[in-house]
Protein backbone atom coordinates (compact mmCIF):
# COMPACT_ATOMS: atom_id res chain seq x y z
CA THR A 1 48.79 35.57 139.54
CA PHE A 2 46.58 32.64 140.38
CA ASP A 3 47.72 29.77 142.60
CA ASP A 4 46.89 26.07 142.80
CA GLY A 5 45.33 25.41 139.38
CA TRP A 6 41.67 25.60 140.32
CA LEU A 7 39.18 24.87 137.53
CA GLY A 8 37.40 28.16 138.37
CA ASN A 9 40.48 30.01 137.12
CA TYR A 10 39.79 28.53 133.68
CA ILE A 11 36.02 28.87 133.77
CA TYR A 12 35.73 32.38 135.25
CA ALA A 13 39.02 34.27 135.33
CA TYR A 14 40.43 33.19 131.96
CA PRO A 15 37.51 34.51 129.85
CA ILE A 16 37.64 37.89 131.67
CA LEU A 17 41.40 38.12 131.17
CA GLN A 18 40.88 37.37 127.45
CA GLU A 19 38.08 39.90 127.11
CA PHE A 20 40.23 42.74 128.44
CA GLY A 21 43.51 41.57 126.88
CA PHE A 22 45.26 40.90 130.18
CA LYS A 23 47.99 38.35 130.75
CA ALA A 24 48.32 36.37 133.95
CA THR A 25 50.54 33.74 135.53
CA PHE A 26 48.95 30.54 136.77
CA PHE A 27 51.01 28.65 139.35
CA VAL A 28 49.96 24.98 139.30
CA ALA A 29 50.70 22.08 141.61
CA THR A 30 51.36 19.26 139.17
CA SER A 31 49.85 16.47 141.30
CA LEU A 32 46.52 18.33 141.29
CA ILE A 33 46.25 18.76 137.51
CA GLY A 34 43.33 16.77 136.16
CA ARG A 35 41.76 16.07 139.55
CA PRO A 36 38.15 17.11 140.20
CA LEU A 37 37.85 20.92 140.54
CA TYR A 38 41.32 21.45 139.01
CA MET A 39 42.38 22.33 135.47
CA THR A 40 43.60 19.72 133.00
CA TRP A 41 46.75 19.76 130.90
CA GLU A 42 44.59 20.54 127.84
CA GLN A 43 43.05 23.58 129.52
CA LEU A 44 46.48 24.82 130.55
CA LYS A 45 47.76 24.29 127.00
CA GLN A 46 44.82 26.24 125.61
CA MET A 47 45.36 29.20 127.96
CA GLN A 48 49.06 29.30 127.14
CA ALA A 49 48.79 28.83 123.38
CA SER A 50 45.76 30.97 122.57
CA SER A 51 46.27 33.86 124.98
CA GLY A 52 49.88 33.80 126.14
CA MET A 53 49.08 33.01 129.74
CA SER A 54 52.11 31.86 131.71
CA ILE A 55 52.00 28.51 133.47
CA GLN A 56 54.57 28.20 136.26
CA SER A 57 55.33 25.98 139.27
CA HIS A 58 53.51 25.67 142.57
CA THR A 59 55.46 22.42 143.33
CA VAL A 60 54.29 18.85 142.90
CA SER A 61 52.33 18.13 146.08
CA HIS A 62 51.35 21.63 147.26
CA HIS A 63 52.83 20.86 150.68
CA PRO A 64 54.60 23.56 152.72
CA LEU A 65 58.29 23.69 151.71
CA GLY A 66 59.80 24.96 154.96
CA ASP A 67 59.40 21.67 156.82
CA MET A 68 60.85 19.43 154.08
CA GLU A 69 64.22 17.73 154.04
CA ASP A 70 66.61 19.03 151.33
CA LYS A 71 66.09 15.99 149.08
CA GLU A 72 62.28 16.27 149.19
CA LEU A 73 62.44 20.02 148.66
CA ALA A 74 64.65 19.58 145.60
CA PHE A 75 62.30 16.88 144.25
CA GLU A 76 59.26 19.13 144.60
CA LEU A 77 60.95 22.03 142.81
CA TYR A 78 62.72 20.06 140.09
CA SER A 79 59.93 17.58 139.25
CA SER A 80 57.19 20.18 138.94
CA LYS A 81 59.39 22.37 136.75
CA GLN A 82 60.37 19.46 134.54
CA LEU A 83 56.82 18.14 134.09
CA ILE A 84 55.32 21.53 133.21
CA GLU A 85 58.11 22.16 130.71
CA GLU A 86 57.59 18.71 129.17
CA LYS A 87 53.78 18.87 128.99
CA LEU A 88 53.48 22.47 127.82
CA SER A 89 56.75 22.98 125.89
CA THR A 90 57.45 26.11 127.91
CA SER A 91 60.19 27.44 130.15
CA VAL A 92 59.41 27.39 133.87
CA LYS A 93 61.36 30.12 135.68
CA HIS A 94 59.05 31.13 138.53
CA LEU A 95 57.78 29.44 141.65
CA SER A 96 54.94 30.28 144.00
CA LEU A 97 55.29 29.00 147.57
CA PRO A 98 52.52 26.65 148.72
CA HIS A 99 50.91 28.16 151.80
CA GLY A 100 53.57 30.90 151.70
CA HIS A 101 55.81 28.62 153.80
CA TRP A 102 59.55 28.45 153.15
CA ASP A 103 62.90 28.80 154.85
CA SER A 104 66.44 29.95 154.08
CA ARG A 105 67.23 26.82 152.00
CA THR A 106 64.39 27.34 149.53
CA TRP A 107 65.88 30.09 147.33
CA PRO A 108 69.39 28.58 146.98
CA ILE A 109 67.92 25.22 145.94
CA ALA A 110 65.37 26.86 143.61
CA LYS A 111 68.06 29.01 142.00
CA LYS A 112 70.28 25.97 141.41
CA ILE A 113 67.39 24.19 139.69
CA GLY A 114 66.83 27.16 137.39
CA TYR A 115 64.16 29.35 138.96
CA GLN A 116 64.58 33.11 138.60
CA SER A 117 62.03 34.24 141.18
CA ILE A 118 59.79 33.08 144.00
CA CYS A 119 56.34 34.58 144.59
CA THR A 120 55.64 34.74 148.31
CA SER A 121 52.43 35.46 150.13
CA ASP A 122 54.11 38.39 151.88
CA VAL A 123 52.00 41.49 151.38
CA GLY A 124 53.56 44.34 149.46
CA PHE A 125 54.53 45.93 146.19
CA HIS A 126 57.59 44.86 144.22
CA ILE A 127 59.72 47.38 142.40
CA TRP A 128 59.94 46.16 138.80
CA ASP A 129 63.74 46.41 138.35
CA SER A 130 64.61 45.21 141.86
CA PRO A 131 67.18 42.35 141.87
CA ASP A 132 65.39 40.68 144.80
CA PRO A 133 64.13 37.25 143.61
CA LEU A 134 61.47 37.14 146.37
CA LEU A 135 58.32 38.79 145.05
CA ARG A 136 55.62 40.09 147.39
CA ARG A 137 51.98 39.96 146.28
CA ILE A 138 48.62 41.38 147.27
CA SER A 139 45.70 38.97 147.57
CA ILE A 140 42.60 40.28 145.85
CA GLY A 141 39.47 38.60 147.17
CA ASP A 142 35.78 39.25 147.58
CA GLY A 143 36.41 41.65 150.46
CA ILE A 144 38.35 44.19 148.35
CA SER A 145 36.25 47.28 147.68
CA GLU A 146 36.45 49.13 144.39
CA SER A 147 38.02 52.14 146.09
CA ARG A 148 40.71 49.96 147.71
CA PHE A 149 41.35 48.27 144.39
CA HIS A 150 41.97 51.68 142.79
CA LEU A 151 44.49 52.51 145.56
CA LEU A 152 46.20 49.15 145.04
CA ALA A 153 46.42 49.73 141.29
CA GLN A 154 48.14 53.07 142.09
CA CYS A 155 50.59 51.28 144.47
CA LYS A 156 49.46 53.31 147.47
CA ASN A 157 50.98 51.80 150.62
CA ARG A 158 48.03 52.88 152.75
CA ALA A 159 45.90 50.40 150.78
CA ILE A 160 47.91 47.44 152.11
CA TRP A 161 48.79 48.52 155.63
CA ASP A 162 46.08 46.46 157.37
CA MET A 163 46.73 43.51 155.06
CA ALA A 164 50.42 43.53 155.97
CA VAL A 165 49.62 43.69 159.71
CA ILE A 166 47.19 40.75 159.46
CA LYS A 167 49.70 38.71 157.44
CA SER A 168 52.42 39.42 160.03
CA LEU A 169 50.12 38.29 162.83
CA LYS A 170 49.26 35.12 160.90
CA ASN A 171 52.97 34.41 160.42
CA VAL A 172 53.64 34.79 164.15
CA PHE A 173 50.71 32.50 164.95
CA ARG A 174 51.87 29.94 162.37
CA ARG A 175 55.39 29.89 163.83
CA THR A 176 53.97 29.56 167.34
CA VAL A 177 51.61 26.63 166.70
CA GLY A 178 53.46 25.03 163.78
CA ILE A 179 52.44 24.69 160.14
CA ASP A 180 50.44 21.46 160.60
CA VAL A 181 48.19 22.88 163.35
CA TYR A 182 47.90 26.16 161.43
CA ARG A 183 46.75 24.36 158.24
CA LYS A 184 44.17 22.31 160.23
CA LEU A 185 42.75 25.47 161.79
CA TYR A 186 42.82 27.24 158.40
CA ARG A 187 40.84 24.41 156.76
CA ARG A 188 38.34 24.40 159.64
CA VAL A 189 37.74 28.16 159.33
CA TYR A 190 37.86 28.52 155.51
CA GLY A 191 36.83 25.02 154.41
């Protein structure tokens, strides 16, 4: 999975996925589509039509969902789903949580709108036939060694132990300082 809709996903990841015959899901925030450094609707159409890539929802605004009022939360989930379906003539059934932030209202509202699953930023493996609609993921970045990647591909829990601990600590810190302060600090550290 790829989140946000960055242009680099189209320029760099998409050709590699095509070369090796892999499919991927791209979660896009609809208000970012067409902005500088983000993919366009035409690029998304091309990826979907020519290679069977899945384009799914990452909301409209890419704002954290857990702090929204019910009406705003429903708007973000419904409007992004509707626009992607309209522009790409596809069915949107899956949501990725912006900033991994949500609360107990998110899944019931998403389910009512027609989503079948939510990808979280919680670290872990997901059992394929599990009925749980909340899907954990593992972030693969520049710091992942080839040997760790092999362990991840084999679903070895020891490969994610430290990732899960770090994510848990980040979640505690985020709850302590609040999402707004956390995002400001995150942007300062990571740009």
